Protein backbone atom coordinates (compact mmCIF):
# COMPACT_ATOMS: atom_id res chain seq x y z
CA MET A 1 27.56 108.20 -20.05
CA GLN A 2 29.36 111.50 -19.86
CA ASP A 3 30.08 111.25 -16.12
CA THR A 4 31.63 107.75 -16.34
CA LYS A 5 35.13 107.90 -14.91
CA LEU A 6 37.09 105.27 -16.82
CA ALA A 7 40.42 103.72 -15.87
CA ILE A 8 42.49 101.82 -18.44
CA VAL A 9 44.69 99.38 -16.53
CA ILE A 10 47.89 98.10 -18.18
CA PRO A 11 50.22 95.55 -16.56
CA CYS A 12 53.80 96.00 -17.80
CA PHE A 13 56.89 93.83 -17.63
CA ASN A 14 59.98 94.88 -19.60
CA GLU A 15 57.93 96.92 -22.09
CA ALA A 16 60.22 99.96 -22.50
CA GLN A 17 60.17 99.60 -26.29
CA MET A 18 56.47 98.98 -26.79
CA LEU A 19 54.96 101.17 -24.08
CA PRO A 20 55.39 104.59 -25.77
CA ILE A 21 53.64 103.26 -28.89
CA SER A 22 50.81 101.69 -26.86
CA LEU A 23 50.26 104.77 -24.71
CA GLN A 24 50.03 107.02 -27.75
CA LYS A 25 47.38 104.81 -29.35
CA LEU A 26 45.39 104.44 -26.14
CA TRP A 27 45.50 108.15 -25.48
CA VAL A 28 43.92 108.80 -28.88
CA VAL A 29 41.05 106.42 -28.04
CA LEU A 30 40.64 107.87 -24.55
CA GLN A 31 40.61 111.46 -25.80
CA LYS A 32 38.06 110.58 -28.49
CA LEU A 33 35.72 109.12 -25.89
CA ILE A 34 36.14 112.22 -23.72
CA ASP A 35 35.53 114.60 -26.65
CA GLU A 36 32.38 112.70 -27.65
CA LYS A 37 31.23 112.85 -24.02
CA HIS A 38 31.07 109.08 -23.56
CA ILE A 39 33.31 109.26 -20.49
CA SER A 40 34.43 111.86 -17.96
CA SER A 41 37.43 114.11 -18.50
CA GLU A 42 38.74 112.73 -15.18
CA SER A 43 39.34 109.34 -16.82
CA PHE A 44 42.90 108.06 -16.65
CA VAL A 45 45.40 105.36 -17.56
CA PHE A 46 46.86 103.24 -14.75
CA LEU A 47 50.12 101.36 -15.33
CA VAL A 48 51.52 98.58 -13.16
CA ASP A 49 55.26 97.95 -13.54
CA ASP A 50 55.60 94.31 -12.54
CA GLY A 51 59.25 94.49 -11.46
CA SER A 52 60.69 95.34 -14.88
CA VAL A 53 64.49 95.24 -15.22
CA ASP A 54 64.66 97.47 -18.30
CA ALA A 55 63.75 101.17 -18.63
CA THR A 56 59.99 100.61 -18.33
CA TRP A 57 59.68 102.66 -15.13
CA ASP A 58 61.58 105.58 -16.68
CA VAL A 59 59.18 105.53 -19.63
CA ILE A 60 56.23 105.51 -17.22
CA LYS A 61 57.55 108.44 -15.18
CA LYS A 62 58.08 110.48 -18.32
CA ALA A 63 54.57 109.68 -19.58
CA HIS A 64 53.14 110.56 -16.15
CA GLU A 65 54.65 114.05 -16.28
CA GLU A 66 53.81 114.71 -19.94
CA SER A 67 50.17 113.63 -19.49
CA GLY A 68 49.50 116.15 -16.75
CA PHE A 69 49.17 113.27 -14.28
CA LYS A 70 46.45 111.59 -16.34
CA ILE A 71 48.74 108.57 -16.40
CA LYS A 72 49.13 107.05 -12.95
CA ALA A 73 51.25 104.08 -11.94
CA VAL A 74 52.69 101.80 -9.29
CA ARG A 75 55.92 99.86 -9.38
CA PHE A 76 56.34 96.44 -7.74
CA SER A 77 59.43 95.65 -5.68
CA ARG A 78 59.95 92.56 -7.86
CA ASN A 79 58.17 90.51 -10.50
CA PHE A 80 54.98 89.10 -8.92
CA GLY A 81 53.29 87.96 -12.12
CA ASN A 82 50.55 89.05 -14.51
CA GLN A 83 47.56 88.22 -12.28
CA PRO A 84 48.77 90.20 -9.23
CA ALA A 85 49.63 93.10 -11.56
CA ILE A 86 46.11 93.17 -12.98
CA ILE A 87 44.59 92.91 -9.50
CA ALA A 88 46.79 95.79 -8.29
CA GLY A 89 45.67 97.94 -11.20
CA LEU A 90 41.99 97.18 -10.58
CA GLU A 91 42.31 97.81 -6.84
CA ASN A 92 43.97 101.16 -7.45
CA ALA A 93 41.37 102.09 -10.06
CA TYR A 94 38.64 101.37 -7.50
CA ASN A 95 40.40 103.40 -4.81
CA LEU A 96 40.80 106.31 -7.24
CA GLY A 97 37.04 106.39 -7.80
CA ALA A 98 36.79 104.80 -11.25
CA ASP A 99 33.25 103.89 -12.34
CA ALA A 100 34.61 101.31 -14.77
CA ALA A 101 38.02 99.81 -15.53
CA ILE A 102 39.37 98.22 -18.69
CA THR A 103 42.37 95.91 -18.60
CA ILE A 104 44.51 95.53 -21.72
CA ASP A 105 47.98 94.14 -22.41
CA ALA A 106 50.91 96.51 -22.87
CA ASP A 107 51.82 94.98 -26.26
CA LEU A 108 48.41 96.14 -27.58
CA GLN A 109 47.84 93.02 -29.65
CA GLN A 110 44.24 93.41 -28.56
CA ASP A 111 42.23 95.90 -30.59
CA GLU A 112 42.18 99.14 -28.60
CA ASN A 113 39.41 100.49 -30.86
CA LYS A 114 37.03 97.93 -29.32
CA ILE A 115 37.14 100.02 -26.13
CA VAL A 116 34.40 102.17 -27.71
CA GLU A 117 32.16 99.07 -27.94
CA PHE A 118 33.07 98.14 -24.36
CA ILE A 119 31.82 101.54 -23.16
CA GLN A 120 28.63 101.18 -25.19
CA ALA A 121 27.98 97.80 -23.56
CA TYR A 122 28.66 99.32 -20.14
CA ASP A 123 26.12 102.09 -20.89
CA GLU A 124 23.62 99.34 -21.79
CA GLY A 125 23.94 97.98 -18.26
CA TYR A 126 26.57 95.25 -18.54
CA ASP A 127 28.82 94.85 -15.49
CA ILE A 128 31.44 92.80 -17.32
CA VAL A 129 32.47 93.02 -20.98
CA CYS A 130 34.92 90.34 -22.11
CA GLY A 131 37.18 90.54 -25.13
CA ILE A 132 37.29 87.23 -27.05
CA ARG A 133 39.95 86.53 -29.67
CA LYS A 134 38.76 85.69 -33.17
CA ASN A 135 42.21 84.43 -34.07
CA ARG A 136 45.61 83.73 -32.52
CA THR A 137 49.07 84.77 -33.72
CA ASP A 138 50.89 82.16 -31.60
CA GLY A 139 52.90 79.31 -33.03
CA PHE A 140 51.27 75.91 -33.63
CA PHE A 141 52.46 74.38 -30.34
CA LYS A 142 51.36 77.29 -28.15
CA LYS A 143 48.03 77.51 -29.96
CA ALA A 144 47.40 73.78 -29.51
CA CYS A 145 48.25 74.00 -25.81
CA ALA A 146 45.89 76.97 -25.37
CA ASN A 147 43.03 75.11 -27.07
CA MET A 148 43.69 72.07 -24.90
CA PHE A 149 43.71 74.26 -21.76
CA TYR A 150 40.25 75.66 -22.50
CA ARG A 151 38.85 72.18 -23.19
CA VAL A 152 40.35 70.74 -20.00
CA ILE A 153 39.41 73.63 -17.72
CA ASN A 154 35.80 73.65 -18.98
CA PHE A 155 35.62 69.85 -18.55
CA LEU A 156 36.77 70.34 -14.96
CA GLY A 157 33.91 72.74 -14.30
CA VAL A 158 35.57 76.15 -14.71
CA ASN A 159 33.33 78.32 -16.87
CA ILE A 160 35.63 80.25 -19.20
CA LYS A 161 34.88 81.21 -22.78
CA PRO A 162 37.53 79.80 -25.16
CA ASN A 163 40.10 82.38 -26.31
CA HIS A 164 39.10 84.85 -23.60
CA SER A 165 41.98 87.20 -22.82
CA GLU A 166 42.71 89.76 -20.09
CA PHE A 167 41.03 92.37 -22.29
CA ARG A 168 37.83 93.26 -20.46
CA LEU A 169 35.76 95.99 -18.86
CA VAL A 170 34.43 95.69 -15.31
CA SER A 171 32.04 98.04 -13.56
CA ARG A 172 32.54 99.62 -10.15
CA ARG A 173 30.08 97.10 -8.73
CA THR A 174 32.35 94.32 -10.02
CA LEU A 175 35.43 96.03 -8.56
CA GLU A 176 33.69 96.24 -5.19
CA ILE A 177 32.95 92.52 -5.27
CA LEU A 178 36.55 91.80 -6.32
CA SER A 179 37.80 93.67 -3.24
CA LYS A 180 36.10 91.04 -1.05
CA TYR A 181 38.18 88.19 -2.52
CA LYS A 182 41.29 87.87 -0.37
CA GLU A 183 42.97 84.78 -1.84
CA THR A 184 46.67 85.04 -2.53
CA ASN A 185 46.40 83.09 -5.78
CA LEU A 186 43.33 84.60 -7.38
CA PHE A 187 42.58 83.50 -10.95
CA ILE A 188 40.59 86.50 -12.15
CA ARG A 189 39.91 85.17 -15.64
CA GLY A 190 37.73 82.49 -14.10
CA LEU A 191 36.43 84.67 -11.27
CA PHE A 192 34.66 87.23 -13.46
CA TYR A 193 32.72 84.52 -15.31
CA ASP A 194 31.83 82.94 -11.97
CA LEU A 195 30.25 86.03 -10.40
CA GLY A 196 26.95 85.70 -12.23
CA LEU A 197 26.85 89.39 -13.17
CA LYS A 198 25.46 90.64 -16.48
CA THR A 199 28.20 89.83 -19.00
CA LYS A 200 28.71 90.48 -22.70
CA ASP A 201 31.34 89.05 -25.05
CA ILE A 202 32.90 91.20 -27.77
CA TYR A 203 35.12 89.59 -30.40
CA PHE A 204 38.29 91.17 -31.76
CA GLU A 205 41.08 90.42 -34.20
CA VAL A 206 44.49 89.82 -32.61
CA LYS A 207 47.21 92.05 -34.09
CA GLU A 208 50.86 91.25 -34.60
CA ARG A 209 53.14 92.66 -31.93
CA GLU A 210 54.96 95.73 -33.31
CA VAL A 211 58.20 95.50 -31.29
CA GLY A 212 59.68 93.13 -28.73
CA LYS A 213 58.30 89.70 -27.90
CA SER A 214 55.76 88.17 -25.57
CA LYS A 215 56.82 87.80 -21.94
CA PHE A 216 54.64 84.72 -21.45
CA SER A 217 56.73 81.56 -21.65
CA PHE A 218 55.27 78.07 -21.91
CA LEU A 219 56.08 77.42 -18.24
CA SER A 220 54.38 80.63 -17.08
CA LEU A 221 51.26 79.76 -19.06
CA LEU A 222 51.34 76.23 -17.61
CA ALA A 223 51.57 77.68 -14.09
CA LEU A 224 48.62 79.99 -14.85
CA ALA A 225 46.58 77.03 -16.09
CA ALA A 226 47.37 75.01 -12.94
CA ARG A 227 46.37 77.98 -10.76
CA GLY A 228 43.08 78.34 -12.62
CA ILE A 229 42.19 74.67 -12.27
CA VAL A 230 43.13 74.39 -8.59
CA SER A 231 41.44 77.70 -7.70
CA PHE A 232 38.06 76.83 -9.20
CA SER A 233 37.63 73.07 -9.37
CA VAL A 234 37.90 70.02 -7.09
CA ARG A 235 37.20 67.63 -9.95
CA PRO A 236 40.89 66.65 -10.27
CA LEU A 237 40.68 65.34 -6.69
CA ARG A 238 37.59 63.33 -7.61
CA LEU A 239 39.42 61.98 -10.65
CA VAL A 240 42.25 60.94 -8.33
CA PHE A 241 39.72 59.00 -6.25
CA PHE A 242 38.22 57.20 -9.25
CA LEU A 243 41.64 56.47 -10.74
CA GLY A 244 42.81 55.03 -7.44
CA PHE A 245 39.66 52.92 -7.21
CA GLY A 246 40.15 51.64 -10.75
CA ILE A 247 43.80 50.73 -10.17
CA SER A 248 42.89 48.94 -6.92
CA PHE A 249 40.11 46.99 -8.66
CA VAL A 250 42.37 45.79 -11.49
CA SER A 251 45.11 44.95 -8.99
CA VAL A 252 42.67 42.73 -7.06
CA LEU A 253 41.74 40.94 -10.30
CA LEU A 254 45.43 40.35 -11.07
CA ALA A 255 45.99 39.05 -7.55
CA ILE A 256 43.08 36.60 -7.97
CA ALA A 257 44.56 35.48 -11.29
CA CYS A 258 47.91 34.78 -9.60
CA ILE A 259 46.22 32.75 -6.85
CA VAL A 260 44.29 30.71 -9.44
CA ARG A 261 47.54 30.05 -11.28
CA LEU A 262 49.21 28.77 -8.10
CA ILE A 263 46.26 26.59 -7.04
CA PHE A 264 45.83 24.89 -10.39
CA HIS A 265 49.55 24.88 -11.24
CA LEU A 266 48.97 26.68 -14.49
CA ASN A 267 52.02 27.57 -16.55
CA TYR A 268 50.11 30.10 -18.60
CA LEU A 269 47.14 32.35 -17.90
CA PRO A 270 45.92 34.74 -20.63
CA GLY A 271 46.64 38.38 -19.85
CA LEU A 272 49.01 37.69 -16.96
CA GLU A 273 52.02 38.68 -19.06
CA LEU A 274 50.75 42.25 -18.85
CA PHE A 275 51.31 42.27 -15.09
CA GLU A 276 54.68 44.03 -15.27
CA THR A 277 53.30 46.65 -17.66
CA TRP A 278 50.39 47.20 -15.28
CA GLU A 279 52.79 47.68 -12.37
CA THR A 280 54.60 50.42 -14.30
CA PHE A 281 51.34 52.15 -15.19
CA ALA A 282 50.06 51.96 -11.61
CA ALA A 283 53.30 53.45 -10.27
CA GLY A 284 53.12 56.32 -12.74
CA ALA A 285 49.46 56.95 -11.94
CA GLN A 286 50.26 57.07 -8.23
CA ILE A 287 52.97 59.68 -8.80
CA LEU A 288 50.54 61.71 -10.92
CA CYS A 289 47.90 61.56 -8.19
CA ILE A 290 50.42 62.62 -5.56
CA GLY A 291 51.38 65.56 -7.78
CA ILE A 292 47.74 66.66 -8.16
CA ILE A 293 47.13 66.43 -4.42
CA GLY A 294 50.43 68.22 -3.81
CA GLU A 295 49.31 71.13 -6.01
CA TYR A 296 46.20 71.58 -3.88
CA ILE A 297 48.22 71.33 -0.66
CA GLY A 298 50.67 73.91 -2.02
CA GLN A 299 47.81 76.30 -2.76
CA ILE A 300 46.44 75.78 0.76
CA LEU A 301 49.88 76.50 2.20
CA MET A 302 50.13 79.79 0.29
CA GLU A 303 46.66 80.85 1.42
CA VAL A 304 47.29 79.94 5.06
CA LYS A 305 50.49 82.00 5.10
CA GLY A 306 48.45 85.03 4.03
CA ARG A 307 51.33 86.78 2.30
CA PRO A 308 50.50 89.89 0.23
CA ARG A 309 49.80 89.41 -3.46
CA TYR A 310 52.31 92.14 -4.30
CA ILE A 311 54.55 94.75 -2.70
CA THR A 312 54.49 98.33 -4.02
CA ASP A 313 57.89 100.02 -4.25
CA GLU A 314 56.87 103.36 -5.78
CA GLU A 315 53.69 105.19 -6.80
CA LEU A 316 52.78 107.93 -9.25
CA LYS A 317 49.36 109.42 -8.56
C-alpha cells in the first residue's frame, strides 16, 4: 500500500568495506518501491552499529548526511551481539512510526530483490514474512552443524523452519507484541514463529559475499543455538531426568550383580567386565547433565539481574 512506512533494519559489525555496496543496492530497491507507490516516501533505512572497531560508523554518518537523513542509525557502546542489534533496530523502527520493518544482513548475501515479494505478502495481510534459504554457501562443517542445529532444536520443541535466516518482514502489530517481551536473552528467530500470527515463507538464493568475511564464528553460532534451545524449550531438562533415571536403574542392576557374585563366590559373571566402562560413561553423563542445568541457571541469573540488552552510545535520526 502506498501509505506503508517501511523500515529496513541492518545490524552491522565491522562492515566498513561492504556497507557502501549494500546501501547502494538497497537504496535502489527502496526507491523503486517508493516510485511504484508500494510504500511511503517516508520509508527509511535503519542501521545498528554493534560496537564496530573499524570505520563502520564513519561510513554510516556519511551515508546519513548524503541520504537527506533517510538513513538513520544508532551505535552501541560495545559489541552486544547480533540478536540485541536486531532488536534495537526493530524497537527504533517501531518508535519512528514504521508500519512494517524488514531485517537483512549487512553483507547482503540475502536477495534484496525479494523485498518486493515481502511487501506484496504484507499487502495480502501477512504479519510476518520469513526468508528461507534455498542453498548455503558455507563450508561443509558449518553447513553440517547448521543442519544438525535445526534438527535438534525442532526435536526439542522449538518451531523453526530449517534454513530460516534473519531476513524477514514484520508488521507494526508484530513490533508492538515484540515490545512486550522483556527478556535479556531473547531469541527472536524462534519468537516470531511462536507468536501464531499469519506467516508466509519466501525462498531465496544465497549469494556469495562480495568483500570481507562473515563475522559469525563457530563459537558465536554455538552460543546462539544454546540461547535458542534454553529460551524456548525445557525438554533438555526432561532428558536430564530420564538419563539420570536410566543411569540409576543400570547402576542398581550392576550392584545386584556384584552382590550375587559375592554370595555365590562366582569368579566370573557375564557383563560385569563392563563395569569400569559404565562408571566412565555415568561420570561423563553426570557432567553433561550438570552443564545443561547450569545453562538454564545461567539464563535465569541474567534475567534476574535485568541488565539492558544494549547500551546506545550515539544516534543519528
